[in-house]
Amino acid sequence: MSRQGPGGRLRIGSGGPWEASVGYSRAIAAGDRCLVSGTTDAGPDGRSLHPGDPGAQVRAAFAIAASALAAAGMTLDDVVRTRMYVTDRAHAAAVAAVHGELFGAVRPAATLVIVAGLIDPTLLVEVELEAVRGA
């Protein structure tokens, strides 16, 4: 679900459990740029669809983020920056491996940070993307 916002911004929603209540968009596209909000694999109840599996969680989160990019007319090839947040250092290798599969040829600027926790304890990984069309 996409909607034109002020100043020609395209607001892209995914129907995620917190978008309406918190008041944010899954992504905002403006001109040749698209910023994708922090994305997890949370289902409608706000809990992970892949509990205990950081690799599956990050793969699902990147798929949701890629869908938001597609709504803006972009692909993972347009990504110039990724940010990954993991709740346990032991999950970093699985998350990095999926990132490598998806972005090995693109090679965006990337950050992986260990955090104390996410909004629900079943969520182990959250990702953000920034893309520039034709970058």
N, C-alpha and C. Protein backbone atom coordinates (compact mmCIF):
# COMPACT_ATOMS: atom_id res chain seq x y z
N MET A 1 0.83 -1.17 0.00
CA MET A 1 0.00 0.00 0.00
C MET A 1 0.88 1.25 0.00
N SER A 2 0.75 2.03 -1.04
CA SER A 2 1.56 3.23 -1.21
C SER A 2 0.64 4.44 -1.27
N ARG A 3 1.17 5.57 -0.83
CA ARG A 3 0.38 6.80 -0.84
C ARG A 3 1.30 7.99 -1.04
N GLN A 4 0.90 8.89 -1.93
CA GLN A 4 1.66 10.12 -2.12
C GLN A 4 1.55 10.95 -0.86
N GLY A 5 2.66 11.44 -0.39
CA GLY A 5 2.69 12.29 0.78
C GLY A 5 3.05 13.71 0.40
N PRO A 6 3.30 14.55 1.39
CA PRO A 6 3.66 15.93 1.12
C PRO A 6 4.97 16.04 0.35
N GLY A 7 5.06 17.01 -0.52
CA GLY A 7 6.30 17.25 -1.24
C GLY A 7 6.63 16.18 -2.26
N GLY A 8 5.63 15.39 -2.69
CA GLY A 8 5.89 14.36 -3.69
C GLY A 8 6.52 13.10 -3.13
N ARG A 9 6.62 13.00 -1.82
CA ARG A 9 7.15 11.76 -1.22
C ARG A 9 6.15 10.64 -1.38
N LEU A 10 6.66 9.46 -1.66
CA LEU A 10 5.82 8.27 -1.74
C LEU A 10 5.98 7.52 -0.43
N ARG A 11 4.87 7.37 0.29
CA ARG A 11 4.88 6.62 1.55
C ARG A 11 4.45 5.19 1.25
N ILE A 12 5.28 4.24 1.63
CA ILE A 12 5.05 2.83 1.33
C ILE A 12 4.82 2.09 2.64
N GLY A 13 3.71 1.39 2.71
CA GLY A 13 3.40 0.59 3.89
C GLY A 13 3.44 -0.89 3.55
N SER A 14 3.67 -1.70 4.57
CA SER A 14 3.67 -3.15 4.37
C SER A 14 2.54 -3.82 5.15
N GLY A 15 1.82 -3.03 5.94
CA GLY A 15 0.79 -3.61 6.79
C GLY A 15 1.35 -4.22 8.06
N GLY A 16 2.63 -3.91 8.36
CA GLY A 16 3.27 -4.44 9.56
C GLY A 16 2.52 -4.04 10.82
N PRO A 17 2.74 -4.77 11.91
CA PRO A 17 1.94 -4.57 13.11
C PRO A 17 2.10 -3.22 13.81
N TRP A 18 3.17 -2.48 13.55
CA TRP A 18 3.37 -1.24 14.28
C TRP A 18 3.25 0.02 13.42
N GLU A 19 3.14 -0.10 12.11
CA GLU A 19 3.16 1.08 11.25
C GLU A 19 2.09 2.08 11.63
N ALA A 20 0.85 1.65 11.73
CA ALA A 20 -0.24 2.58 12.03
C ALA A 20 -0.18 3.10 13.47
N SER A 21 0.07 2.20 14.43
CA SER A 21 0.04 2.62 15.83
C SER A 21 1.21 3.52 16.21
N VAL A 22 2.37 3.30 15.61
CA VAL A 22 3.55 4.11 15.92
C VAL A 22 3.59 5.35 15.02
N GLY A 23 2.99 5.24 13.83
CA GLY A 23 2.94 6.38 12.93
C GLY A 23 4.17 6.51 12.05
N TYR A 24 4.51 5.45 11.34
CA TYR A 24 5.65 5.51 10.41
C TYR A 24 5.32 4.71 9.17
N SER A 25 6.13 4.89 8.14
CA SER A 25 5.98 4.14 6.89
C SER A 25 7.09 3.11 6.80
N ARG A 26 6.79 1.99 6.15
CA ARG A 26 7.83 0.99 5.91
C ARG A 26 8.97 1.62 5.12
N ALA A 27 8.62 2.49 4.17
CA ALA A 27 9.64 3.18 3.38
C ALA A 27 9.10 4.52 2.91
N ILE A 28 10.03 5.42 2.64
CA ILE A 28 9.72 6.71 2.03
C ILE A 28 10.60 6.83 0.79
N ALA A 29 9.97 7.10 -0.33
CA ALA A 29 10.71 7.36 -1.57
C ALA A 29 10.53 8.82 -1.93
N ALA A 30 11.63 9.48 -2.24
CA ALA A 30 11.61 10.88 -2.65
C ALA A 30 12.65 11.05 -3.75
N GLY A 31 12.19 11.44 -4.92
CA GLY A 31 13.13 11.56 -6.04
C GLY A 31 13.75 10.21 -6.35
N ASP A 32 15.07 10.18 -6.42
CA ASP A 32 15.78 8.94 -6.75
C ASP A 32 16.20 8.16 -5.52
N ARG A 33 15.68 8.52 -4.36
CA ARG A 33 16.13 7.91 -3.11
C ARG A 33 14.98 7.20 -2.40
N CYS A 34 15.30 6.09 -1.75
CA CYS A 34 14.31 5.38 -0.94
C CYS A 34 14.96 4.95 0.37
N LEU A 35 14.31 5.26 1.47
CA LEU A 35 14.78 4.88 2.80
C LEU A 35 13.79 3.88 3.38
N VAL A 36 14.29 2.71 3.75
CA VAL A 36 13.44 1.66 4.31
C VAL A 36 13.65 1.61 5.81
N SER A 37 12.56 1.74 6.56
CA SER A 37 12.60 1.71 8.02
C SER A 37 13.11 0.38 8.54
N GLY A 38 13.45 0.37 9.82
CA GLY A 38 13.85 -0.87 10.46
C GLY A 38 12.80 -1.94 10.21
N THR A 39 13.25 -3.11 9.76
CA THR A 39 12.34 -4.18 9.33
C THR A 39 12.75 -5.48 9.99
N THR A 40 11.77 -6.17 10.54
CA THR A 40 11.98 -7.49 11.14
C THR A 40 11.10 -8.50 10.39
N ASP A 41 11.08 -9.72 10.86
CA ASP A 41 10.20 -10.73 10.26
C ASP A 41 8.93 -10.89 11.08
N ALA A 42 8.53 -9.87 11.83
CA ALA A 42 7.37 -9.96 12.70
C ALA A 42 6.09 -10.27 11.93
N GLY A 43 5.31 -11.17 12.48
CA GLY A 43 4.00 -11.47 11.92
C GLY A 43 2.97 -10.49 12.46
N PRO A 44 1.70 -10.73 12.17
CA PRO A 44 0.63 -9.81 12.60
C PRO A 44 0.56 -9.62 14.12
N ASP A 45 1.03 -10.62 14.86
CA ASP A 45 0.99 -10.52 16.33
C ASP A 45 2.24 -9.84 16.89
N GLY A 46 3.17 -9.41 16.01
CA GLY A 46 4.38 -8.74 16.46
C GLY A 46 5.50 -9.66 16.87
N ARG A 47 5.28 -10.95 16.74
CA ARG A 47 6.31 -11.93 17.11
C ARG A 47 6.96 -12.50 15.85
N SER A 48 8.18 -13.01 16.01
CA SER A 48 8.92 -13.55 14.88
C SER A 48 8.19 -14.71 14.21
N LEU A 49 8.25 -14.73 12.89
CA LEU A 49 7.72 -15.86 12.13
C LEU A 49 8.73 -17.00 12.08
N HIS A 50 9.97 -16.73 12.52
CA HIS A 50 11.05 -17.72 12.52
C HIS A 50 11.78 -17.67 13.87
N PRO A 51 11.08 -17.96 14.96
CA PRO A 51 11.70 -17.82 16.28
C PRO A 51 12.96 -18.68 16.41
N GLY A 52 14.01 -18.07 16.95
CA GLY A 52 15.25 -18.79 17.21
C GLY A 52 16.15 -18.97 16.01
N ASP A 53 15.77 -18.46 14.83
CA ASP A 53 16.55 -18.67 13.61
C ASP A 53 16.95 -17.32 13.00
N PRO A 54 18.11 -16.77 13.40
CA PRO A 54 18.50 -15.45 12.92
C PRO A 54 18.70 -15.40 11.39
N GLY A 55 19.16 -16.49 10.79
CA GLY A 55 19.33 -16.53 9.34
C GLY A 55 18.00 -16.39 8.62
N ALA A 56 17.01 -17.14 9.05
CA ALA A 56 15.68 -17.05 8.44
C ALA A 56 15.04 -15.70 8.72
N GLN A 57 15.26 -15.16 9.92
CA GLN A 57 14.70 -13.85 10.24
C GLN A 57 15.27 -12.76 9.34
N VAL A 58 16.60 -12.76 9.14
CA VAL A 58 17.19 -11.70 8.32
C VAL A 58 16.79 -11.87 6.86
N ARG A 59 16.69 -13.10 6.39
CA ARG A 59 16.27 -13.34 5.01
C ARG A 59 14.85 -12.79 4.80
N ALA A 60 13.95 -13.07 5.75
CA ALA A 60 12.57 -12.58 5.66
C ALA A 60 12.52 -11.06 5.77
N ALA A 61 13.32 -10.49 6.66
CA ALA A 61 13.33 -9.02 6.81
C ALA A 61 13.82 -8.35 5.53
N PHE A 62 14.88 -8.89 4.93
CA PHE A 62 15.36 -8.32 3.66
C PHE A 62 14.32 -8.48 2.55
N ALA A 63 13.55 -9.57 2.56
CA ALA A 63 12.51 -9.76 1.55
C ALA A 63 11.41 -8.70 1.71
N ILE A 64 11.03 -8.40 2.94
CA ILE A 64 10.03 -7.36 3.19
C ILE A 64 10.57 -6.00 2.74
N ALA A 65 11.83 -5.73 3.07
CA ALA A 65 12.46 -4.47 2.66
C ALA A 65 12.56 -4.38 1.14
N ALA A 66 12.88 -5.51 0.48
CA ALA A 66 12.96 -5.53 -0.99
C ALA A 66 11.60 -5.25 -1.61
N SER A 67 10.52 -5.73 -0.99
CA SER A 67 9.17 -5.44 -1.48
C SER A 67 8.87 -3.95 -1.40
N ALA A 68 9.32 -3.32 -0.33
CA ALA A 68 9.14 -1.87 -0.22
C ALA A 68 9.91 -1.14 -1.31
N LEU A 69 11.14 -1.58 -1.57
CA LEU A 69 11.92 -0.98 -2.66
C LEU A 69 11.20 -1.16 -3.99
N ALA A 70 10.65 -2.34 -4.23
CA ALA A 70 9.94 -2.61 -5.48
C ALA A 70 8.76 -1.66 -5.66
N ALA A 71 8.07 -1.36 -4.56
CA ALA A 71 6.94 -0.42 -4.63
C ALA A 71 7.42 0.98 -5.03
N ALA A 72 8.71 1.26 -4.80
CA ALA A 72 9.29 2.54 -5.20
C ALA A 72 9.98 2.45 -6.56
N GLY A 73 9.87 1.29 -7.21
CA GLY A 73 10.49 1.11 -8.52
C GLY A 73 11.98 0.82 -8.45
N MET A 74 12.43 0.26 -7.33
CA MET A 74 13.86 -0.04 -7.15
C MET A 74 14.05 -1.51 -6.81
N THR A 75 15.31 -1.94 -6.83
CA THR A 75 15.66 -3.31 -6.48
C THR A 75 16.82 -3.30 -5.49
N LEU A 76 17.21 -4.47 -5.04
CA LEU A 76 18.37 -4.57 -4.15
C LEU A 76 19.63 -4.05 -4.82
N ASP A 77 19.68 -4.05 -6.15
CA ASP A 77 20.85 -3.51 -6.86
C ASP A 77 21.02 -2.01 -6.65
N ASP A 78 19.95 -1.32 -6.23
CA ASP A 78 20.00 0.12 -5.99
C ASP A 78 20.44 0.47 -4.56
N VAL A 79 20.60 -0.54 -3.71
CA VAL A 79 20.93 -0.31 -2.29
C VAL A 79 22.35 0.22 -2.16
N VAL A 80 22.50 1.32 -1.41
CA VAL A 80 23.81 1.91 -1.17
C VAL A 80 24.24 1.78 0.30
N ARG A 81 23.31 1.47 1.20
CA ARG A 81 23.66 1.29 2.62
C ARG A 81 22.71 0.30 3.25
N THR A 82 23.28 -0.58 4.08
CA THR A 82 22.48 -1.48 4.91
C THR A 82 22.90 -1.30 6.37
N ARG A 83 21.93 -1.49 7.24
CA ARG A 83 22.22 -1.53 8.68
C ARG A 83 21.53 -2.77 9.23
N MET A 84 22.28 -3.53 10.01
CA MET A 84 21.74 -4.74 10.60
C MET A 84 21.95 -4.68 12.11
N TYR A 85 20.90 -4.98 12.84
CA TYR A 85 20.95 -4.99 14.30
C TYR A 85 20.65 -6.41 14.75
N VAL A 86 21.53 -6.99 15.55
CA VAL A 86 21.33 -8.34 16.07
C VAL A 86 21.40 -8.30 17.59
N THR A 87 20.62 -9.18 18.21
CA THR A 87 20.52 -9.17 19.67
C THR A 87 21.57 -10.03 20.36
N ASP A 88 22.35 -10.77 19.58
CA ASP A 88 23.37 -11.63 20.17
C ASP A 88 24.55 -11.73 19.20
N ARG A 89 25.73 -11.54 19.70
CA ARG A 89 26.94 -11.62 18.88
C ARG A 89 27.00 -12.96 18.14
N ALA A 90 26.48 -14.01 18.73
CA ALA A 90 26.51 -15.34 18.12
C ALA A 90 25.68 -15.40 16.83
N HIS A 91 24.77 -14.44 16.61
CA HIS A 91 23.94 -14.41 15.40
C HIS A 91 24.61 -13.67 14.25
N ALA A 92 25.70 -12.98 14.52
CA ALA A 92 26.33 -12.12 13.51
C ALA A 92 26.76 -12.89 12.27
N ALA A 93 27.33 -14.07 12.43
CA ALA A 93 27.82 -14.84 11.28
C ALA A 93 26.67 -15.25 10.36
N ALA A 94 25.56 -15.69 10.91
CA ALA A 94 24.41 -16.10 10.08
C ALA A 94 23.83 -14.90 9.34
N VAL A 95 23.74 -13.78 10.03
CA VAL A 95 23.20 -12.56 9.42
C VAL A 95 24.14 -12.07 8.32
N ALA A 96 25.43 -12.06 8.60
CA ALA A 96 26.42 -11.61 7.61
C ALA A 96 26.42 -12.52 6.39
N ALA A 97 26.23 -13.82 6.58
CA ALA A 97 26.21 -14.75 5.45
C ALA A 97 25.04 -14.45 4.51
N VAL A 98 23.87 -14.18 5.05
CA VAL A 98 22.71 -13.85 4.21
C VAL A 98 22.97 -12.52 3.51
N HIS A 99 23.53 -11.55 4.22
CA HIS A 99 23.86 -10.26 3.61
C HIS A 99 24.80 -10.48 2.42
N GLY A 100 25.79 -11.33 2.59
CA GLY A 100 26.73 -11.63 1.52
C GLY A 100 26.06 -12.25 0.31
N GLU A 101 25.10 -13.16 0.55
CA GLU A 101 24.36 -13.77 -0.56
C GLU A 101 23.59 -12.73 -1.35
N LEU A 102 22.93 -11.83 -0.63
CA LEU A 102 22.06 -10.85 -1.27
C LEU A 102 22.80 -9.67 -1.88
N PHE A 103 23.92 -9.27 -1.26
CA PHE A 103 24.58 -8.03 -1.65
C PHE A 103 26.03 -8.20 -2.07
N GLY A 104 26.49 -9.44 -2.27
CA GLY A 104 27.88 -9.68 -2.63
C GLY A 104 28.31 -8.93 -3.87
N ALA A 105 27.45 -8.82 -4.87
CA ALA A 105 27.79 -8.10 -6.10
C ALA A 105 27.53 -6.60 -5.97
N VAL A 106 26.60 -6.21 -5.10
CA VAL A 106 26.22 -4.80 -4.94
C VAL A 106 27.23 -4.07 -4.06
N ARG A 107 27.62 -4.71 -2.98
CA ARG A 107 28.60 -4.20 -2.02
C ARG A 107 28.28 -2.81 -1.49
N PRO A 108 27.11 -2.65 -0.85
CA PRO A 108 26.77 -1.36 -0.26
C PRO A 108 27.61 -1.09 0.99
N ALA A 109 27.62 0.14 1.44
CA ALA A 109 28.16 0.44 2.76
C ALA A 109 27.28 -0.34 3.75
N ALA A 110 27.89 -0.96 4.76
CA ALA A 110 27.12 -1.81 5.66
C ALA A 110 27.58 -1.65 7.09
N THR A 111 26.62 -1.77 7.99
CA THR A 111 26.90 -1.73 9.42
C THR A 111 26.16 -2.88 10.08
N LEU A 112 26.83 -3.58 11.01
CA LEU A 112 26.20 -4.62 11.81
C LEU A 112 26.49 -4.28 13.27
N VAL A 113 25.43 -4.14 14.05
CA VAL A 113 25.55 -3.70 15.43
C VAL A 113 24.88 -4.71 16.35
N ILE A 114 25.52 -4.99 17.48
CA ILE A 114 24.92 -5.83 18.50
C ILE A 114 24.13 -4.90 19.43
N VAL A 115 22.83 -5.22 19.63
CA VAL A 115 21.96 -4.39 20.47
C VAL A 115 21.44 -5.20 21.65
N ALA A 116 20.95 -4.51 22.67
CA ALA A 116 20.45 -5.18 23.87
C ALA A 116 19.16 -5.95 23.60
N GLY A 117 18.36 -5.50 22.66
CA GLY A 117 17.10 -6.18 22.37
C GLY A 117 16.27 -5.40 21.38
N LEU A 118 15.24 -6.06 20.86
CA LEU A 118 14.30 -5.43 19.94
C LEU A 118 12.93 -5.39 20.62
N ILE A 119 11.93 -4.91 19.92
CA ILE A 119 10.63 -4.64 20.53
C ILE A 119 9.94 -5.89 21.09
N ASP A 120 10.20 -7.06 20.52
CA ASP A 120 9.67 -8.32 21.04
C ASP A 120 10.85 -9.28 21.21
N PRO A 121 10.90 -10.02 22.30
CA PRO A 121 12.07 -10.88 22.54
C PRO A 121 12.27 -11.99 21.52
N THR A 122 11.25 -12.33 20.71
CA THR A 122 11.44 -13.36 19.69
C THR A 122 12.16 -12.81 18.46
N LEU A 123 12.24 -11.48 18.35
CA LEU A 123 12.90 -10.84 17.21
C LEU A 123 14.38 -10.74 17.50
N LEU A 124 15.20 -11.36 16.66
CA LEU A 124 16.64 -11.41 16.85
C LEU A 124 17.40 -10.46 15.92
N VAL A 125 16.74 -10.01 14.83
CA VAL A 125 17.40 -9.23 13.79
C VAL A 125 16.46 -8.15 13.28
N GLU A 126 17.02 -6.97 13.01
CA GLU A 126 16.30 -5.89 12.35
C GLU A 126 17.24 -5.29 11.31
N VAL A 127 16.70 -4.92 10.15
CA VAL A 127 17.53 -4.35 9.09
C VAL A 127 16.94 -3.04 8.59
N GLU A 128 17.80 -2.18 8.06
CA GLU A 128 17.39 -0.94 7.38
C GLU A 128 18.11 -0.89 6.04
N LEU A 129 17.48 -0.27 5.05
CA LEU A 129 18.11 -0.09 3.73
C LEU A 129 18.00 1.35 3.29
N GLU A 130 18.99 1.81 2.54
CA GLU A 130 18.92 3.07 1.82
C GLU A 130 19.29 2.75 0.38
N ALA A 131 18.49 3.26 -0.55
CA ALA A 131 18.72 2.98 -1.96
C ALA A 131 18.68 4.28 -2.75
N VAL A 132 19.44 4.29 -3.84
CA VAL A 132 19.45 5.40 -4.79
C VAL A 132 19.29 4.79 -6.18
N ARG A 133 18.25 5.21 -6.88
CA ARG A 133 17.96 4.64 -8.21
C ARG A 133 19.16 4.82 -9.13
N GLY A 134 19.59 3.72 -9.73
CA GLY A 134 20.68 3.75 -10.69
C GLY A 134 22.06 3.95 -10.10
N ALA A 135 22.17 3.81 -8.77
CA ALA A 135 23.46 4.05 -8.09
C ALA A 135 24.50 3.00 -8.45
